[in-house]
C-alpha atoms as a PDB file:
ATOM      1  CA  MET A   1       4.418  17.990  16.132  1.00  0.00           C
ATOM      2  CA  GLN A   2       6.402  16.194  18.780  1.00  0.00           C
ATOM      3  CA  THR A   3       9.508  14.091  18.279  1.00  0.00           C
ATOM      4  CA  ASN A   4       8.762  10.446  17.496  1.00  0.00           C
ATOM      5  CA  VAL A   5       9.991   8.735  20.679  1.00  0.00           C
ATOM      6  CA  LYS A   6      10.123   5.298  19.058  1.00  0.00           C
ATOM      7  CA  ALA A   7      12.312   6.601  16.229  1.00  0.00           C
ATOM      8  CA  ALA A   8      14.517   8.544  18.672  1.00  0.00           C
ATOM      9  CA  ASN A   9      15.075   5.418  20.737  1.00  0.00           C
ATOM     10  CA  PHE A  10      16.052   3.471  17.626  1.00  0.00           C
ATOM     11  CA  TRP A  11      18.728   6.029  16.679  1.00  0.00           C
ATOM     12  CA  ASN A  12      19.928   6.230  20.275  1.00  0.00           C
ATOM     13  CA  ARG A  13      20.532   2.480  20.267  1.00  0.00           C
ATOM     14  CA  ILE A  14      22.634   2.506  17.108  1.00  0.00           C
ATOM     15  CA  SER A  15      24.366   5.890  17.591  1.00  0.00           C
ATOM     16  CA  LYS A  16      27.795   4.514  18.526  1.00  0.00           C
ATOM     17  CA  ARG A  17      27.840   2.047  15.632  1.00  0.00           C
ATOM     18  CA  TYR A  18      26.592   4.775  13.283  1.00  0.00           C
ATOM     19  CA  ALA A  19      29.374   7.127  14.366  1.00  0.00           C
ATOM     20  CA  LYS A  20      32.019   4.521  13.520  1.00  0.00           C
ATOM     21  CA  LYS A  21      30.566   3.686  10.113  1.00  0.00           C
ATOM     22  CA  ALA A  22      32.575   4.916   7.139  1.00  0.00           C
ATOM     23  CA  VAL A  23      30.975   7.005   4.380  1.00  0.00           C
ATOM     24  CA  PRO A  24      29.783   4.483   1.735  1.00  0.00           C
ATOM     25  CA  ASN A  25      31.347   6.435  -1.144  1.00  0.00           C
ATOM     26  CA  GLU A  26      33.691   9.236  -0.089  1.00  0.00           C
ATOM     27  CA  GLU A  27      34.059  10.628  -3.620  1.00  0.00           C
ATOM     28  CA  ILE A  28      30.304  11.118  -3.975  1.00  0.00           C
ATOM     29  CA  TYR A  29      30.036  12.526  -0.453  1.00  0.00           C
ATOM     30  CA  LEU A  30      32.757  15.116  -1.069  1.00  0.00           C
ATOM     31  CA  ARG A  31      31.139  16.068  -4.382  1.00  0.00           C
ATOM     32  CA  LYS A  32      27.878  16.740  -2.552  1.00  0.00           C
ATOM     33  CA  VAL A  33      29.741  18.905  -0.032  1.00  0.00           C
ATOM     34  CA  GLU A  34      31.375  20.835  -2.883  1.00  0.00           C
ATOM     35  CA  LEU A  35      28.074  21.360  -4.693  1.00  0.00           C
ATOM     36  CA  THR A  36      26.417  22.574  -1.497  1.00  0.00           C
ATOM     37  CA  GLN A  37      29.184  25.010  -0.632  1.00  0.00           C
ATOM     38  CA  ALA A  38      28.884  26.607  -4.074  1.00  0.00           C
ATOM     39  CA  TYR A  39      25.561  28.025  -2.818  1.00  0.00           C
ATOM     40  CA  LEU A  40      26.869  29.180   0.580  1.00  0.00           C
ATOM     41  CA  LEU A  41      28.230  32.601   1.550  1.00  0.00           C
ATOM     42  CA  SER A  42      30.353  33.543   4.550  1.00  0.00           C
ATOM     43  CA  SER A  43      27.444  35.623   5.917  1.00  0.00           C
ATOM     44  CA  ASP A  44      24.904  32.779   5.694  1.00  0.00           C
ATOM     45  CA  SER A  45      22.906  31.158   8.457  1.00  0.00           C
ATOM     46  CA  VAL A  46      22.396  27.445   7.857  1.00  0.00           C
ATOM     47  CA  LEU A  47      20.023  24.952   9.430  1.00  0.00           C
ATOM     48  CA  GLU A  48      20.544  21.194   9.210  1.00  0.00           C
ATOM     49  CA  PHE A  49      17.846  18.848  10.504  1.00  0.00           C
ATOM     50  CA  GLY A  50      18.480  15.159  10.987  1.00  0.00           C
ATOM     51  CA  CYS A  51      22.157  15.995  11.407  1.00  0.00           C
ATOM     52  CA  GLY A  52      23.097  12.652  12.970  1.00  0.00           C
ATOM     53  CA  THR A  53      26.550  12.804  14.523  1.00  0.00           C
ATOM     54  CA  GLY A  54      27.278  16.220  13.039  1.00  0.00           C
ATOM     55  CA  SER A  55      30.027  15.506  10.507  1.00  0.00           C
ATOM     56  CA  THR A  56      28.502  17.479   7.625  1.00  0.00           C
ATOM     57  CA  ALA A  57      27.428  20.425   9.773  1.00  0.00           C
ATOM     58  CA  ILE A  58      30.979  20.694  11.099  1.00  0.00           C
ATOM     59  CA  MET A  59      32.408  20.454   7.571  1.00  0.00           C
ATOM     60  CA  HIS A  60      30.269  23.385   6.351  1.00  0.00           C
ATOM     61  CA  ALA A  61      30.899  25.548   9.410  1.00  0.00           C
ATOM     62  CA  SER A  62      34.038  27.219   8.084  1.00  0.00           C
ATOM     63  CA  LYS A  63      32.148  28.439   5.000  1.00  0.00           C
ATOM     64  CA  VAL A  64      29.293  30.271   6.758  1.00  0.00           C
ATOM     65  CA  GLU A  65      28.546  32.530   9.702  1.00  0.00           C
ATOM     66  CA  ARG A  66      26.683  29.930  11.730  1.00  0.00           C
ATOM     67  CA  VAL A  67      25.143  26.476  11.536  1.00  0.00           C
ATOM     68  CA  GLU A  68      22.272  25.279  13.689  1.00  0.00           C
ATOM     69  CA  ALA A  69      21.887  21.506  13.609  1.00  0.00           C
ATOM     70  CA  THR A  70      19.171  19.293  15.067  1.00  0.00           C
ATOM     71  CA  ASP A  71      18.427  15.611  15.434  1.00  0.00           C
ATOM     72  CA  ILE A  72      15.750  13.634  17.255  1.00  0.00           C
ATOM     73  CA  SER A  73      18.363  11.423  18.951  1.00  0.00           C
ATOM     74  CA  PRO A  74      20.001  12.772  22.134  1.00  0.00           C
ATOM     75  CA  ALA A  75      22.795  10.209  21.744  1.00  0.00           C
ATOM     76  CA  MET A  76      23.552  11.398  18.214  1.00  0.00           C
ATOM     77  CA  ILE A  77      23.597  15.029  19.344  1.00  0.00           C
ATOM     78  CA  GLU A  78      25.967  14.217  22.201  1.00  0.00           C
ATOM     79  CA  ILE A  79      28.431  12.678  19.742  1.00  0.00           C
ATOM     80  CA  ALA A  80      28.023  15.691  17.431  1.00  0.00           C
ATOM     81  CA  LYS A  81      28.871  18.094  20.268  1.00  0.00           C
ATOM     82  CA  GLU A  82      31.953  16.064  21.140  1.00  0.00           C
ATOM     83  CA  ARG A  83      33.079  16.137  17.513  1.00  0.00           C
ATOM     84  CA  ALA A  84      32.616  19.905  17.226  1.00  0.00           C
ATOM     85  CA  SER A  85      34.572  20.444  20.429  1.00  0.00           C
ATOM     86  CA  ALA A  86      37.379  18.157  19.254  1.00  0.00           C
ATOM     87  CA  ALA A  87      37.534  20.055  15.937  1.00  0.00           C
ATOM     88  CA  ASN A  88      37.528  23.406  17.789  1.00  0.00           C
ATOM     89  CA  VAL A  89      34.464  24.536  15.822  1.00  0.00           C
ATOM     90  CA  SER A  90      32.535  27.193  17.705  1.00  0.00           C
ATOM     91  CA  ASN A  91      29.954  28.456  15.193  1.00  0.00           C
ATOM     92  CA  VAL A  92      27.851  25.271  15.191  1.00  0.00           C
ATOM     93  CA  SER A  93      25.113  24.553  17.712  1.00  0.00           C
ATOM     94  CA  PHE A  94      23.416  21.193  18.204  1.00  0.00           C
ATOM     95  CA  GLU A  95      19.928  20.693  19.653  1.00  0.00           C
ATOM     96  CA  VAL A  96      17.654  17.685  20.178  1.00  0.00           C
ATOM     97  CA  GLY A  97      14.328  17.614  18.370  1.00  0.00           C
ATOM     98  CA  ALA A  98      12.488  17.247  15.080  1.00  0.00           C
ATOM     99  CA  LEU A  99      12.417  20.211  12.700  1.00  0.00           C
ATOM    100  CA  GLU A 100       8.837  21.064  13.567  1.00  0.00           C
ATOM    101  CA  ASP A 101       9.523  20.995  17.324  1.00  0.00           C
ATOM    102  CA  PHE A 102      11.468  24.253  17.319  1.00  0.00           C
ATOM    103  CA  ASN A 103       9.022  26.703  15.715  1.00  0.00           C
ATOM    104  CA  PHE A 104      11.876  28.611  14.102  1.00  0.00           C
ATOM    105  CA  LYS A 105      11.143  32.171  12.986  1.00  0.00           C
ATOM    106  CA  PRO A 106      10.095  32.530   9.347  1.00  0.00           C
ATOM    107  CA  ASP A 107      12.691  33.650   6.787  1.00  0.00           C
ATOM    108  CA  SER A 108      15.523  32.832   9.202  1.00  0.00           C
ATOM    109  CA  TYR A 109      17.980  30.809   7.111  1.00  0.00           C
ATOM    110  CA  ASN A 110      19.841  31.081   3.832  1.00  0.00           C
ATOM    111  CA  ALA A 111      20.102  27.314   3.519  1.00  0.00           C
ATOM    112  CA  VAL A 112      18.392  24.287   5.047  1.00  0.00           C
ATOM    113  CA  LEU A 113      20.030  20.866   4.780  1.00  0.00           C
ATOM    114  CA  GLY A 114      18.135  17.593   4.997  1.00  0.00           C
ATOM    115  CA  LEU A 115      20.638  14.854   4.237  1.00  0.00           C
ATOM    116  CA  ASN A 116      19.499  11.225   4.236  1.00  0.00           C
ATOM    117  CA  VAL A 117      16.483  12.157   6.314  1.00  0.00           C
ATOM    118  CA  MET A 118      13.507  13.055   4.081  1.00  0.00           C
ATOM    119  CA  HIS A 119      12.580   9.386   3.696  1.00  0.00           C
ATOM    120  CA  LEU A 120      12.387   9.109   7.495  1.00  0.00           C
ATOM    121  CA  VAL A 121      10.211  12.083   8.461  1.00  0.00           C
ATOM    122  CA  GLU A 122       6.605  11.459   9.457  1.00  0.00           C
ATOM    123  CA  ASN A 123       5.074  13.638   6.740  1.00  0.00           C
ATOM    124  CA  PRO A 124       7.394  14.767   3.926  1.00  0.00           C
ATOM    125  CA  SER A 125       4.937  17.363   2.582  1.00  0.00           C
ATOM    126  CA  SER A 126       4.564  19.009   6.003  1.00  0.00           C
ATOM    127  CA  THR A 127       8.317  18.981   6.517  1.00  0.00           C
ATOM    128  CA  LEU A 128       8.866  20.655   3.134  1.00  0.00           C
ATOM    129  CA  THR A 129       6.279  23.293   4.038  1.00  0.00           C
ATOM    130  CA  GLU A 130       8.173  24.030   7.250  1.00  0.00           C
ATOM    131  CA  ILE A 131      11.482  24.213   5.386  1.00  0.00           C
ATOM    132  CA  HIS A 132       9.949  26.682   2.950  1.00  0.00           C
ATOM    133  CA  ARG A 133       8.633  28.787   5.849  1.00  0.00           C
ATOM    134  CA  VAL A 134      11.972  29.137   7.623  1.00  0.00           C
ATOM    135  CA  LEU A 135      14.013  29.817   4.473  1.00  0.00           C
ATOM    136  CA  ARG A 136      14.606  33.325   3.193  1.00  0.00           C
ATOM    137  CA  GLU A 137      13.435  34.076  -0.328  1.00  0.00           C
ATOM    138  CA  GLY A 138      16.023  32.725  -2.751  1.00  0.00           C
ATOM    139  CA  GLY A 139      17.449  30.455  -0.062  1.00  0.00           C
ATOM    140  CA  VAL A 140      18.232  26.847  -0.854  1.00  0.00           C
ATOM    141  CA  PHE A 141      17.045  23.506   0.432  1.00  0.00           C
ATOM    142  CA  VAL A 142      19.699  20.821  -0.047  1.00  0.00           C
ATOM    143  CA  SER A 143      18.674  17.196   0.272  1.00  0.00           C
ATOM    144  CA  SER A 144      20.195  13.801  -0.356  1.00  0.00           C
ATOM    145  CA  THR A 145      17.526  11.120  -0.336  1.00  0.00           C
ATOM    146  CA  PRO A 146      17.417   7.353  -0.917  1.00  0.00           C
ATOM    147  CA  LEU A 147      15.044   6.226  -3.667  1.00  0.00           C
ATOM    148  CA  ILE A 148      13.984   2.992  -2.038  1.00  0.00           C
ATOM    149  CA  GLN A 149      11.327   2.354  -4.679  1.00  0.00           C
ATOM    150  CA  ASN A 150      14.200   1.827  -7.133  1.00  0.00           C
ATOM    151  CA  GLU A 151      15.858  -0.818  -4.968  1.00  0.00           C
ATOM    152  CA  PHE A 152      15.604  -4.540  -5.701  1.00  0.00           C
ATOM    153  CA  VAL A 153      12.301  -6.152  -4.767  1.00  0.00           C
ATOM    154  CA  ILE A 154      13.926  -8.050  -1.885  1.00  0.00           C
ATOM    155  CA  VAL A 155      15.222  -4.769  -0.420  1.00  0.00           C
ATOM    156  CA  ARG A 156      11.779  -3.115  -0.667  1.00  0.00           C
ATOM    157  CA  TRP A 157      10.195  -6.152   0.955  1.00  0.00           C
ATOM    158  CA  LEU A 158      12.775  -6.123   3.757  1.00  0.00           C
ATOM    159  CA  VAL A 159      12.139  -2.415   4.442  1.00  0.00           C
ATOM    160  CA  LYS A 160       8.410  -3.081   4.761  1.00  0.00           C
ATOM    161  CA  PHE A 161       8.995  -6.100   6.976  1.00  0.00           C
ATOM    162  CA  VAL A 162      11.307  -4.392   9.477  1.00  0.00           C
ATOM    163  CA  GLN A 163       8.855  -1.501   9.718  1.00  0.00           C
ATOM    164  CA  PHE A 164       5.963  -3.898  10.276  1.00  0.00           C
ATOM    165  CA  ILE A 165       7.689  -5.643  13.176  1.00  0.00           C
ATOM    166  CA  GLY A 166       8.788  -2.310  14.645  1.00  0.00           C
ATOM    167  CA  LEU A 167      12.567  -2.566  14.255  1.00  0.00           C
ATOM    168  CA  VAL A 168      12.930   0.757  12.434  1.00  0.00           C
ATOM    169  CA  PRO A 169      10.928   3.988  12.186  1.00  0.00           C
ATOM    170  CA  LYS A 170       8.744   4.825   9.201  1.00  0.00           C
ATOM    171  CA  ILE A 171      10.516   4.820   5.839  1.00  0.00           C
ATOM    172  CA  HIS A 172       9.087   6.432   2.689  1.00  0.00           C
ATOM    173  CA  SER A 173       9.848   4.647  -0.579  1.00  0.00           C
ATOM    174  CA  PHE A 174      10.226   7.508  -3.044  1.00  0.00           C
ATOM    175  CA  LYS A 175      10.658   7.403  -6.790  1.00  0.00           C
ATOM    176  CA  ARG A 176      12.783  10.156  -8.386  1.00  0.00           C
ATOM    177  CA  GLU A 177       9.932  12.111 -10.011  1.00  0.00           C
ATOM    178  CA  GLU A 178       7.685  11.631  -6.988  1.00  0.00           C
ATOM    179  CA  TYR A 179      10.261  13.279  -4.733  1.00  0.00           C
ATOM    180  CA  LEU A 180      10.897  16.119  -7.177  1.00  0.00           C
ATOM    181  CA  ASP A 181       7.148  16.720  -7.446  1.00  0.00           C
ATOM    182  CA  LEU A 182       6.880  17.028  -3.647  1.00  0.00           C
ATOM    183  CA  VAL A 183       9.700  19.583  -3.640  1.00  0.00           C
ATOM    184  CA  SER A 184       8.053  21.572  -6.434  1.00  0.00           C
ATOM    185  CA  GLU A 185       4.609  21.490  -4.820  1.00  0.00           C
ATOM    186  CA  ALA A 186       6.106  22.961  -1.623  1.00  0.00           C
ATOM    187  CA  GLY A 187       7.218  26.090  -3.518  1.00  0.00           C
ATOM    188  CA  PHE A 188      10.742  25.234  -4.615  1.00  0.00           C
ATOM    189  CA  ASP A 189      12.566  25.229  -7.934  1.00  0.00           C
ATOM    190  CA  ALA A 190      14.932  22.266  -8.186  1.00  0.00           C
ATOM    191  CA  VAL A 191      17.895  24.023  -9.796  1.00  0.00           C
ATOM    192  CA  PHE A 192      20.068  20.921  -9.527  1.00  0.00           C
ATOM    193  CA  ALA A 193      19.060  17.267  -9.365  1.00  0.00           C
ATOM    194  CA  TRP A 194      21.691  14.544  -9.485  1.00  0.00           C
ATOM    195  CA  THR A 195      21.242  10.810  -9.202  1.00  0.00           C
ATOM    196  CA  PRO A 196      24.720   9.465  -8.371  1.00  0.00           C
ATOM    197  CA  SER A 197      23.080   6.042  -8.413  1.00  0.00           C
ATOM    198  CA  GLU A 198      19.664   4.840  -9.466  1.00  0.00           C
ATOM    199  CA  ASN A 199      18.612   4.492  -5.834  1.00  0.00           C
ATOM    200  CA  SER A 200      19.470   7.989  -4.559  1.00  0.00           C
ATOM    201  CA  ILE A 201      18.919  11.629  -5.496  1.00  0.00           C
ATOM    202  CA  PHE A 202      20.743  14.812  -4.499  1.00  0.00           C
ATOM    203  CA  VAL A 203      18.729  18.007  -4.949  1.00  0.00           C
ATOM    204  CA  ILE A 204      19.443  21.711  -4.539  1.00  0.00           C
ATOM    205  CA  ALA A 205      16.171  23.635  -4.626  1.00  0.00           C
ATOM    206  CA  LYS A 206      15.615  27.386  -4.378  1.00  0.00           C
ATOM    207  CA  LYS A 207      12.708  28.925  -2.521  1.00  0.00           C
ATOM    208  CA  LEU A 208      10.518  30.683  -5.049  1.00  0.00           C
ATOM    209  CA  ALA A 209       9.062  34.157  -4.571  1.00  0.00           C
ATOM    210  CA  PRO A 210       5.410  34.130  -3.433  1.00  0.00           C
ATOM    211  CA  LYS A 211       2.881  34.236  -6.268  1.00  0.00           C
ATOM    212  CA  ASP A 212       0.970  37.498  -6.700  1.00  0.00           C
END
């Protein structure tokens, strides 16, 4: 699977504005960071895909051995590298590409983070399968995902319209149970599922042992 060039170009165009945008709700964001770090050990290797400008990867870096972070947008990754350098964080690496582009070794990571990105991937089921493959047994997949299907009708219509005219990449309109079912079907146990609002879900899911 190759990086979606159209989507990459979209994120390149808005990267500088995105980097300046404040977190919508800092209290909720910091709670998500806290919940994630409860599952991290100092010896862990962490992978974040769709890392954007790198803020969360940098925040988790002090809690683990290493963080590898990827994004399809070269402009986003450039900003992320600048931020890591400015923060004097040396155990985070940033690379350009979609998750499936890298062919990571199986059982390589203790945690995989997909934050505000699962609704944007080409094929969520395939992405979850890849996450499961690269995670070690008992490792966790942490995701924060908009539930666009729960938005007002005008918002859902607008999402469809801007996709139709090509202004934004593909967006999946999940419902809460639909997303949790996808996670379960990929071989995960959702040990924590929190909906801080009716239109978003934060999930921590453990990779299950293979069935005999």
